[in-house]
Amino acid sequence: MELDGLLGRLGWADDAELRDVLQAEWASSRDCRPGGAPAFLSPGPVADACRDLSLPRIAQEALLAAAGRVAADPALSALAWHLHYCAFRSDSYPAWGAIARWPSADRLTTALDADGRTFYLLVLTSGLPGMRAIYEARRIPGGVFGDTLGQLRGELADLHRTQDVWGVSGPDRVQWHRFALRGELFRLGRLVFQFGLFRFNVRVFRHRTSRAVVALSEGGVSYLPSGQADGPGRLAPAGQWTSELAVEADGVTGNPILPAGRAVRRKLRLPAAEWRQVLARDDPALYIHFPGGGPLTHSLCGGSFESAMAFFPRHFPDRPCGCFCCDSWVLDSQLQELLPPTSNMVRLQREMYLLPYGTHDEALVHVVFGGMPEDAGKAPRDTALQRALLDRIARGGRFHAGAGAGFILPEDFAWGRQVYIRQELPWAGADPMASDGMPPPGSDTKRAGPSAGGDAEGRAPQP
């Protein structure tokens, strides 16, 4: 079936946007489409998927009924194959954006005469045979297979409990869960790790003898006077500035980023004889995700990193990654003002080299409360973070997001030692009361070495 025929039979012939979305990869998926209905719509594969996801008999019956309807309709069958191809067989289909533009579950409900959310679960579970094959070829333990599918299991149970349907809410959830089914995302203990590229505008350098680590901003990045990255939803007082970076044969000069996640306007020179670049934009990386389901205790997070340090070299020796990295509200350095030093999230932040990120100033409030509370007096105060946020609102205080991203280089992993904030920085010895933590012009900026203490500004620890 050609695309025009499919769009006409499903009543979408006049939808130019949807035509454009489905046109991508259409010829490739059509050329390898099997005769008849796709195998993943058969009873055996549906039953296998239900077993992998620990779904009850009633869920299997719902999926089998929907699969039968799709298999019997040439247009729906062709659509199911095409979406499967884009999600799980194509190496060029965009990882983000395109899948979220697929037809909504509501539109499919009309065409299917059954719940479109179940249709999308069938498309999603069509990737499970490929996931099993990857785990078998890579000799990945079955426990990781089960843990990695845990979030999907939870979403299926929640949707059934609240709306009495077995399915996923829409194509956006196919977009997310496909990473796990393609063998690109794994849950290892408390945390989830995903193959990706380092997408931050910094270059990271290591001192050749002391092993100290310094990040310099790429040039052309807009920063607020506070050293935080500019972006939508940020309070931007006068004094914004733009970073500069000069890379030459004998060294690099640019604006440093302190391990606490703040860019410094005064430039720093790193001679090539003393420093080497170890990380830059688009280098292979492992992204960290923080799934719900319990506290991010320091020991559990550390255990996940230890597992990852062993897991990826063992099972993916052909995919070396230069760092662990993340962008998340969990790394908003405001948390260090709102919560005590013993807080799980504060302790997590202090293990990482934080980076400025264009986070909305009120992102914390929106994550915790789903938006700015209309009546702070009636908002929940069950957690320490909820109470701290509401107290600031009650005082009329503003929110100023800080950092929001960060990285750990595998060779620096030493959980609990706070390696980056305790290292001696190349401007150590500067006046600790200087407004930017940097030495005055003309002073020595090359010194670097390990230190037994010091905070994120390179200052000595306070009693």
Protein backbone atom coordinates (compact mmCIF):
# COMPACT_ATOMS: atom_id res chain seq x y z
CA MET A 1 0.00 0.00 0.00
CA GLU A 2 1.26 3.46 -0.91
CA LEU A 3 1.13 6.35 1.56
CA ASP A 4 -1.67 8.15 -0.29
CA GLY A 5 -3.83 5.05 -0.07
CA LEU A 6 -3.17 4.64 3.64
CA LEU A 7 -3.96 8.28 4.39
CA GLY A 8 -7.16 8.09 2.38
CA ARG A 9 -8.41 4.90 4.04
CA LEU A 10 -7.72 6.28 7.51
CA GLY A 11 -9.36 9.64 6.78
CA TRP A 12 -6.13 11.64 6.95
CA ALA A 13 -5.76 12.62 3.28
CA ASP A 14 -6.07 16.36 3.98
CA ASP A 15 -3.59 16.44 6.89
CA ALA A 16 -0.41 17.84 5.32
CA GLU A 17 1.55 17.74 8.58
CA LEU A 18 0.77 14.08 9.19
CA ARG A 19 1.61 13.26 5.58
CA ASP A 20 4.99 14.91 6.06
CA VAL A 21 5.66 12.95 9.26
CA LEU A 22 4.76 9.58 7.75
CA GLN A 23 6.59 10.27 4.48
CA ALA A 24 9.95 9.97 6.26
CA GLU A 25 11.37 6.46 5.70
CA TRP A 26 8.15 5.39 3.93
CA ALA A 27 9.89 4.03 0.84
CA SER A 28 12.41 2.09 2.92
CA SER A 29 9.79 0.54 5.19
CA ARG A 30 7.55 -0.30 2.22
CA ASP A 31 10.36 -2.06 0.40
CA CYS A 32 10.99 -4.46 3.29
CA ARG A 33 7.36 -4.82 4.43
CA PRO A 34 6.43 -8.50 4.75
CA GLY A 35 3.57 -10.00 2.80
CA GLY A 36 0.48 -10.09 4.96
CA ALA A 37 0.31 -8.76 8.50
CA PRO A 38 3.54 -8.14 10.43
CA ALA A 39 4.64 -11.09 12.57
CA PHE A 40 4.53 -9.03 15.77
CA LEU A 41 0.72 -8.93 15.46
CA SER A 42 0.51 -12.74 15.68
CA PRO A 43 -0.68 -14.41 18.92
CA GLY A 44 2.71 -15.92 19.75
CA PRO A 45 4.74 -12.67 19.78
CA VAL A 46 1.93 -10.86 21.62
CA ALA A 47 1.96 -13.56 24.32
CA ASP A 48 5.76 -13.33 24.54
CA ALA A 49 5.55 -9.58 25.02
CA CYS A 50 2.98 -9.97 27.78
CA ARG A 51 5.27 -12.43 29.51
CA ASP A 52 8.27 -10.07 29.31
CA LEU A 53 6.17 -7.29 30.80
CA SER A 54 4.50 -9.51 33.44
CA LEU A 55 1.06 -8.51 32.17
CA PRO A 56 -2.04 -10.37 33.39
CA ARG A 57 -4.30 -12.50 31.20
CA ILE A 58 -6.82 -9.67 30.79
CA ALA A 59 -4.10 -7.45 29.30
CA GLN A 60 -3.07 -10.19 26.89
CA GLU A 61 -6.66 -10.60 25.75
CA ALA A 62 -6.95 -6.84 25.09
CA LEU A 63 -3.71 -6.82 23.10
CA LEU A 64 -4.69 -9.90 21.09
CA ALA A 65 -8.05 -8.35 20.21
CA ALA A 66 -6.42 -5.11 19.05
CA ALA A 67 -3.73 -7.01 17.13
CA GLY A 68 -6.43 -8.96 15.30
CA ARG A 69 -8.18 -5.76 14.21
CA VAL A 70 -4.93 -4.22 13.00
CA ALA A 71 -3.85 -7.36 11.15
CA ALA A 72 -7.22 -7.58 9.36
CA ASP A 73 -7.10 -3.99 8.08
CA PRO A 74 -4.52 -3.41 5.29
CA ALA A 75 -4.13 0.29 6.11
CA LEU A 76 -3.68 -0.22 9.86
CA SER A 77 -1.38 -3.15 9.23
CA ALA A 78 0.79 -1.05 6.90
CA LEU A 79 0.83 1.78 9.44
CA ALA A 80 1.85 -0.55 12.26
CA TRP A 81 4.73 -1.93 10.17
CA HIS A 82 5.89 1.55 9.16
CA LEU A 83 5.95 2.82 12.74
CA HIS A 84 7.74 -0.35 13.85
CA TYR A 85 10.32 0.15 11.10
CA CYS A 86 10.94 3.78 12.04
CA ALA A 87 11.24 3.03 15.75
CA PHE A 88 13.28 -0.17 15.68
CA ARG A 89 14.82 -0.92 12.28
CA SER A 90 15.91 2.40 10.84
CA ASP A 91 19.36 3.71 11.78
CA SER A 92 18.61 7.19 10.43
CA TYR A 93 15.19 7.98 11.92
CA PRO A 94 15.50 10.90 14.39
CA ALA A 95 15.89 9.87 18.01
CA TRP A 96 13.81 12.81 19.24
CA GLY A 97 10.92 14.80 17.83
CA ALA A 98 9.64 12.78 14.89
CA ILE A 99 7.95 9.99 16.86
CA ALA A 100 6.17 12.48 19.10
CA ARG A 101 4.50 13.86 15.93
CA TRP A 102 2.95 10.53 14.97
CA PRO A 103 -0.90 10.39 15.00
CA SER A 104 -2.28 10.87 18.48
CA ALA A 105 -3.81 7.93 20.31
CA ASP A 106 -7.21 9.62 20.00
CA ARG A 107 -6.97 9.77 16.19
CA LEU A 108 -6.04 6.11 16.07
CA THR A 109 -8.96 5.22 18.31
CA THR A 110 -11.35 6.42 15.62
CA ALA A 111 -9.55 4.56 12.84
CA LEU A 112 -9.11 1.37 14.89
CA ASP A 113 -12.54 1.26 16.50
CA ALA A 114 -10.61 0.40 19.65
CA ASP A 115 -8.31 2.30 22.00
CA GLY A 116 -5.38 3.85 20.14
CA ARG A 117 -3.26 3.55 23.27
CA THR A 118 -3.36 -0.22 22.90
CA PHE A 119 -2.24 0.16 19.26
CA TYR A 120 0.82 2.07 20.45
CA LEU A 121 1.62 -0.61 23.00
CA LEU A 122 1.61 -3.14 20.15
CA VAL A 123 4.02 -0.96 18.18
CA LEU A 124 6.24 -0.56 21.23
CA THR A 125 6.33 -4.24 22.13
CA SER A 126 7.28 -5.05 18.53
CA GLY A 127 10.78 -4.04 19.62
CA LEU A 128 11.05 -6.67 22.34
CA PRO A 129 12.46 -9.46 20.11
CA GLY A 130 15.27 -7.12 19.09
CA MET A 131 15.93 -6.23 22.72
CA ARG A 132 16.14 -9.94 23.63
CA ALA A 133 18.58 -10.53 20.77
CA ILE A 134 20.84 -7.69 21.91
CA TYR A 135 20.89 -8.96 25.49
CA GLU A 136 21.70 -12.46 24.33
CA ALA A 137 24.46 -11.35 21.94
CA ARG A 138 26.00 -9.07 24.55
CA ARG A 139 25.52 -11.61 27.36
CA ILE A 140 23.69 -9.06 29.50
CA PRO A 141 22.15 -10.57 32.64
CA GLY A 142 18.41 -11.18 32.67
CA GLY A 143 18.10 -9.09 35.81
CA VAL A 144 19.12 -5.98 33.87
CA PHE A 145 16.53 -6.87 31.21
CA GLY A 146 13.80 -6.99 33.83
CA ASP A 147 14.94 -3.86 35.69
CA THR A 148 15.21 -1.85 32.47
CA LEU A 149 11.60 -2.69 31.58
CA GLY A 150 10.44 -1.69 35.05
CA GLN A 151 9.44 1.86 34.16
CA LEU A 152 7.30 0.64 31.27
CA ARG A 153 5.63 -1.94 33.50
CA GLY A 154 4.83 0.78 36.00
CA GLU A 155 3.31 3.06 33.36
CA LEU A 156 1.15 0.25 32.01
CA ALA A 157 -0.14 -0.55 35.50
CA ASP A 158 -0.82 3.13 36.27
CA LEU A 159 -2.75 3.70 33.03
CA HIS A 160 -4.85 0.60 33.61
CA ARG A 161 -5.56 1.57 37.21
CA THR A 162 -6.58 5.14 36.38
CA GLN A 163 -8.22 4.73 32.96
CA ASP A 164 -8.95 1.01 32.65
CA VAL A 165 -6.98 0.54 29.44
CA TRP A 166 -3.92 -1.52 28.58
CA GLY A 167 -1.63 0.68 26.54
CA VAL A 168 0.69 3.67 26.55
CA SER A 169 -0.58 7.22 26.53
CA GLY A 170 0.71 8.08 23.08
CA PRO A 171 3.64 8.25 20.68
CA ASP A 172 5.75 10.33 23.06
CA ARG A 173 6.04 7.29 25.35
CA VAL A 174 7.02 5.13 22.37
CA GLN A 175 9.74 7.70 21.71
CA TRP A 176 11.14 7.31 25.25
CA HIS A 177 10.83 3.57 25.79
CA ARG A 178 12.27 2.66 22.39
CA PHE A 179 15.74 3.53 23.72
CA ALA A 180 15.52 0.64 26.17
CA LEU A 181 14.18 -1.75 23.54
CA ARG A 182 16.94 -0.78 21.11
CA GLY A 183 19.61 -1.62 23.66
CA GLU A 184 20.64 2.01 24.18
CA LEU A 185 19.39 2.52 27.75
CA PHE A 186 19.85 0.39 30.86
CA ARG A 187 18.76 0.54 34.46
CA LEU A 188 21.58 -0.43 36.79
CA GLY A 189 20.38 -0.25 40.35
CA ARG A 190 18.91 3.12 41.27
CA LEU A 191 19.96 4.99 38.12
CA VAL A 192 19.42 4.67 34.38
CA PHE A 193 22.24 5.11 31.86
CA GLN A 194 21.80 5.91 28.17
CA PHE A 195 24.26 6.03 25.28
CA GLY A 196 24.48 9.51 23.80
CA LEU A 197 26.75 12.41 22.92
CA PHE A 198 28.10 15.11 25.21
CA ARG A 199 25.87 18.04 24.21
CA PHE A 200 27.24 20.83 26.41
CA ASN A 201 29.13 23.91 25.25
CA VAL A 202 32.31 23.26 27.19
CA ARG A 203 35.74 21.74 26.70
CA VAL A 204 37.30 19.84 29.57
CA PHE A 205 41.04 19.71 30.22
CA ARG A 206 43.22 17.64 32.55
CA HIS A 207 46.58 18.71 33.98
CA ARG A 208 49.24 16.31 32.78
CA THR A 209 50.88 15.80 36.19
CA SER A 210 48.47 16.88 38.94
CA ARG A 211 45.40 15.34 37.20
CA ALA A 212 43.31 18.42 38.07
CA VAL A 213 40.30 18.99 35.80
CA VAL A 214 39.15 22.35 34.43
CA ALA A 215 36.23 23.12 32.10
CA LEU A 216 36.35 26.09 29.73
CA SER A 217 33.26 27.48 28.02
CA GLU A 218 33.02 27.30 24.26
CA GLY A 219 33.03 30.72 22.67
CA GLY A 220 29.87 32.65 21.91
CA VAL A 221 27.83 31.45 24.91
CA SER A 222 25.69 34.08 26.66
CA TYR A 223 26.02 34.20 30.45
CA LEU A 224 24.25 36.17 33.14
CA PRO A 225 26.31 38.32 35.57
CA SER A 226 26.04 35.42 38.04
CA GLY A 227 27.89 33.13 35.62
CA GLN A 228 24.76 31.10 34.87
CA ALA A 229 23.71 30.33 31.30
CA ASP A 230 21.13 32.64 29.77
CA GLY A 231 17.90 31.14 28.50
CA PRO A 232 14.09 31.39 28.37
CA GLY A 233 12.51 31.95 31.74
CA ARG A 234 15.66 33.43 33.30
CA LEU A 235 15.81 36.71 35.18
CA ALA A 236 18.41 38.58 33.12
CA PRO A 237 19.75 41.71 34.86
CA ALA A 238 22.12 44.07 33.10
CA GLY A 239 25.65 42.80 32.73
CA GLN A 240 25.22 39.79 30.50
CA TRP A 241 28.42 38.76 28.77
CA THR A 242 29.55 36.39 26.03
CA SER A 243 32.28 33.81 26.42
CA GLU A 244 35.40 33.67 24.27
CA LEU A 245 37.67 30.73 23.45
CA ALA A 246 40.99 30.84 21.59
CA VAL A 247 42.60 27.52 20.70
CA GLU A 248 46.22 27.73 19.55
CA ALA A 249 49.03 25.25 19.06
CA ASP A 250 50.67 26.16 22.37
CA GLY A 251 47.52 26.28 24.49
CA VAL A 252 43.95 27.40 24.95
CA THR A 253 42.53 30.55 26.53
CA GLY A 254 38.94 30.95 27.61
CA ASN A 255 36.41 31.53 30.33
CA PRO A 256 36.63 28.84 33.01
CA ILE A 257 33.65 27.17 34.62
CA LEU A 258 33.99 26.51 38.34
CA PRO A 259 33.09 22.99 39.53
CA ALA A 260 30.09 24.52 41.32
CA GLY A 261 28.61 25.28 37.89
CA ARG A 262 29.38 28.97 37.38
CA ALA A 263 31.20 30.55 34.45
CA VAL A 264 33.86 33.17 35.20
CA ARG A 265 34.27 36.25 33.04
CA ARG A 266 38.02 36.60 33.58
CA LYS A 267 39.85 34.36 31.10
CA LEU A 268 42.28 31.60 31.96
CA ARG A 269 45.15 30.26 29.83
CA LEU A 270 45.98 26.54 29.84
CA PRO A 271 49.36 25.84 28.19
CA ALA A 272 49.38 22.76 25.95
CA ALA A 273 52.57 21.54 27.62
CA GLU A 274 50.69 21.24 30.91
CA TRP A 275 47.08 20.52 29.90
CA ARG A 276 45.38 18.13 27.48
CA GLN A 277 41.78 18.14 26.30
CA VAL A 278 39.81 15.13 27.55
CA LEU A 279 36.18 15.99 26.69
CA ALA A 280 34.35 18.20 24.20
CA ARG A 281 30.95 18.62 22.59
CA ASP A 282 29.73 15.55 20.62
CA ASP A 283 32.13 13.14 22.31
CA PRO A 284 30.49 9.77 23.23
CA ALA A 285 28.89 9.90 26.67
CA LEU A 286 26.61 8.03 29.02
CA TYR A 287 23.62 10.11 30.10
CA ILE A 288 22.28 9.65 33.61
CA HIS A 289 18.54 9.55 34.32
CA PHE A 290 16.84 9.58 37.71
CA PRO A 291 13.75 7.34 37.58
CA GLY A 292 11.06 7.74 40.21
CA GLY A 293 10.30 5.13 42.79
CA GLY A 294 12.36 6.01 45.83
CA PRO A 295 14.95 8.36 47.31
CA LEU A 296 18.22 9.03 45.52
CA THR A 297 20.30 7.90 48.46
CA HIS A 298 24.00 8.57 48.25
CA SER A 299 24.93 4.91 48.63
CA LEU A 300 22.45 3.68 46.01
CA CYS A 301 23.59 6.28 43.47
CA GLY A 302 27.21 5.41 44.12
CA GLY A 303 26.40 1.72 43.69
CA SER A 304 24.78 2.45 40.32
CA PHE A 305 27.89 4.27 39.11
CA GLU A 306 30.07 1.39 40.27
CA SER A 307 27.84 -1.04 38.38
CA ALA A 308 28.04 1.12 35.25
CA MET A 309 31.83 1.30 35.49
CA ALA A 310 31.90 -2.49 35.19
CA PHE A 311 28.83 -3.06 32.98
CA PHE A 312 29.65 -0.98 29.91
CA PRO A 313 33.29 -2.04 29.37
CA ARG A 314 32.24 -5.67 29.85
CA HIS A 315 29.20 -5.73 27.56
CA PHE A 316 29.99 -2.84 25.18
CA PRO A 317 33.77 -2.80 24.72
CA ASP A 318 33.17 -1.41 21.22
CA ARG A 319 31.38 1.68 22.57
CA PRO A 320 33.78 3.54 24.89
CA CYS A 321 32.31 6.68 26.48
CA GLY A 322 34.26 9.66 27.71
CA CYS A 323 32.05 10.66 30.61
CA PHE A 324 28.86 10.28 32.60
CA CYS A 325 26.74 13.41 32.16
CA CYS A 326 23.28 14.77 32.85
CA ASP A 327 21.00 17.78 32.60
CA SER A 328 18.21 17.74 35.15
CA TRP A 329 16.44 19.77 37.81
CA VAL A 330 18.20 17.41 40.24
CA LEU A 331 21.41 19.32 39.43
CA ASP A 332 19.93 22.79 40.01
CA SER A 333 22.45 24.22 42.47
CA GLN A 334 19.66 26.19 44.17
CA LEU A 335 19.10 22.93 46.01
CA GLN A 336 22.32 23.61 47.93
CA GLU A 337 20.68 26.76 49.29
CA LEU A 338 17.30 25.16 49.98
CA LEU A 339 18.37 21.84 51.50
CA PRO A 340 20.89 20.81 54.17
CA PRO A 341 24.33 19.42 53.18
CA THR A 342 23.15 15.95 54.17
CA SER A 343 20.42 15.98 51.50
CA ASN A 344 20.68 13.19 48.95
CA MET A 345 20.51 15.59 46.01
CA VAL A 346 23.04 17.99 47.49
CA ARG A 347 25.48 15.14 48.10
CA LEU A 348 24.92 13.92 44.53
CA GLN A 349 25.67 17.38 43.12
CA ARG A 350 28.90 17.63 45.07
CA GLU A 351 30.21 14.44 43.42
CA MET A 352 29.90 16.03 39.96
CA TYR A 353 31.53 18.83 38.03
CA LEU A 354 28.50 21.08 37.56
CA LEU A 355 27.90 23.15 34.44
CA PRO A 356 25.71 26.19 33.72
CA TYR A 357 22.60 25.23 31.78
CA GLY A 358 19.72 27.32 30.45
CA THR A 359 17.24 26.13 33.07
CA HIS A 360 14.02 28.07 33.71
CA ASP A 361 14.34 29.87 37.04
CA GLU A 362 11.13 28.32 38.36
CA ALA A 363 11.76 24.81 37.02
CA LEU A 364 12.08 23.42 40.55
CA VAL A 365 8.67 24.76 41.54
CA HIS A 366 7.05 23.38 38.40
CA VAL A 367 8.60 19.93 38.89
CA VAL A 368 7.66 19.69 42.55
CA PHE A 369 4.21 21.28 42.46
CA GLY A 370 3.22 21.07 38.79
CA GLY A 371 3.35 24.86 38.56
CA MET A 372 3.52 27.85 40.87
CA PRO A 373 1.02 27.17 43.70
CA GLU A 374 -1.97 29.52 43.59
CA ASP A 375 -2.19 29.32 47.38
CA ALA A 376 1.12 28.40 49.01
CA GLY A 377 -0.68 27.87 52.30
CA LYS A 378 -2.66 24.97 50.85
CA ALA A 379 0.18 23.33 48.92
CA PRO A 380 1.58 20.04 50.26
CA ARG A 381 4.49 20.25 52.71
CA ASP A 382 5.32 16.56 52.93
CA THR A 383 8.98 16.72 51.90
CA ALA A 384 11.90 18.91 52.93
CA LEU A 385 12.08 20.31 49.39
CA GLN A 386 8.38 21.20 49.32
CA ARG A 387 8.73 23.00 52.65
CA ALA A 388 11.85 24.88 51.55
CA LEU A 389 10.25 26.03 48.29
CA LEU A 390 7.05 27.15 50.01
CA ASP A 391 9.00 29.02 52.69
CA ARG A 392 10.85 30.95 49.99
CA ILE A 393 7.57 31.74 48.24
CA ALA A 394 6.07 32.92 51.53
CA ARG A 395 9.04 35.25 52.07
CA GLY A 396 8.57 36.70 48.60
CA GLY A 397 11.91 35.37 47.48
CA ARG A 398 12.70 34.79 43.84
CA PHE A 399 14.11 31.62 42.32
CA HIS A 400 17.40 31.78 40.44
CA ALA A 401 18.26 28.44 38.86
CA GLY A 402 21.91 27.50 39.02
CA ALA A 403 23.98 24.94 37.13
CA GLY A 404 21.49 22.29 35.96
CA ALA A 405 23.98 19.98 34.27
CA GLY A 406 27.19 18.17 35.11
CA PHE A 407 29.63 15.39 34.34
CA ILE A 408 31.92 12.82 35.92
CA LEU A 409 34.95 11.46 34.08
CA PRO A 410 35.21 7.70 34.71
CA GLU A 411 38.87 7.94 35.74
CA ASP A 412 37.89 10.42 38.47
CA PHE A 413 35.18 8.23 39.98
CA ALA A 414 35.72 8.02 43.75
CA TRP A 415 32.25 8.17 45.29
CA GLY A 416 32.14 10.18 48.49
CA ARG A 417 35.41 12.05 47.91
CA GLN A 418 33.90 15.02 46.04
CA VAL A 419 36.87 14.99 43.69
CA TYR A 420 36.12 18.10 41.66
CA ILE A 421 35.14 20.55 44.37
CA ARG A 422 38.08 19.44 46.52
CA GLN A 423 40.77 19.64 43.87
CA GLU A 424 43.24 22.53 43.87
CA LEU A 425 42.31 24.70 40.91
CA PRO A 426 44.80 26.47 38.65
CA TRP A 427 44.04 29.79 40.29
CA ALA A 428 44.60 28.45 43.83
CA GLY A 429 46.21 31.05 46.03
CA ALA A 430 44.00 33.83 44.72
CA ASP A 431 42.34 36.22 47.10
CA PRO A 432 39.39 34.11 48.33
CA MET A 433 37.34 37.27 48.70
CA ALA A 434 37.66 38.14 45.02
CA SER A 435 34.22 38.48 43.48
CA ASP A 436 34.84 35.85 40.82
CA GLY A 437 37.22 33.57 42.68
CA MET A 438 39.93 34.27 40.09
CA PRO A 439 43.41 35.74 40.59
CA PRO A 440 44.11 39.34 39.59
CA PRO A 441 45.60 39.96 36.15
CA GLY A 442 49.30 39.17 35.98
CA SER A 443 49.28 36.61 38.79
CA ASP A 444 50.26 32.97 38.27
CA THR A 445 47.34 31.01 36.78
CA LYS A 446 49.21 27.83 35.91
CA ARG A 447 49.47 26.22 39.32
CA ALA A 448 47.42 23.08 39.74
CA GLY A 449 47.60 20.09 42.02
CA PRO A 450 45.64 17.87 44.35
CA SER A 451 44.35 19.28 47.60
CA ALA A 452 42.95 17.77 50.75
CA GLY A 453 40.11 20.25 50.87
CA GLY A 454 38.51 23.33 49.41
CA ASP A 455 35.05 24.17 48.25
CA ALA A 456 33.69 24.73 44.77
CA GLU A 457 35.35 28.15 44.59
CA GLY A 458 38.81 26.76 45.44
CA ARG A 459 38.65 28.08 49.01
CA ALA A 460 39.72 26.29 52.13
CA PRO A 461 36.93 24.40 53.92
CA GLN A 462 35.34 26.16 56.84
CA PRO A 463 35.09 24.51 60.27
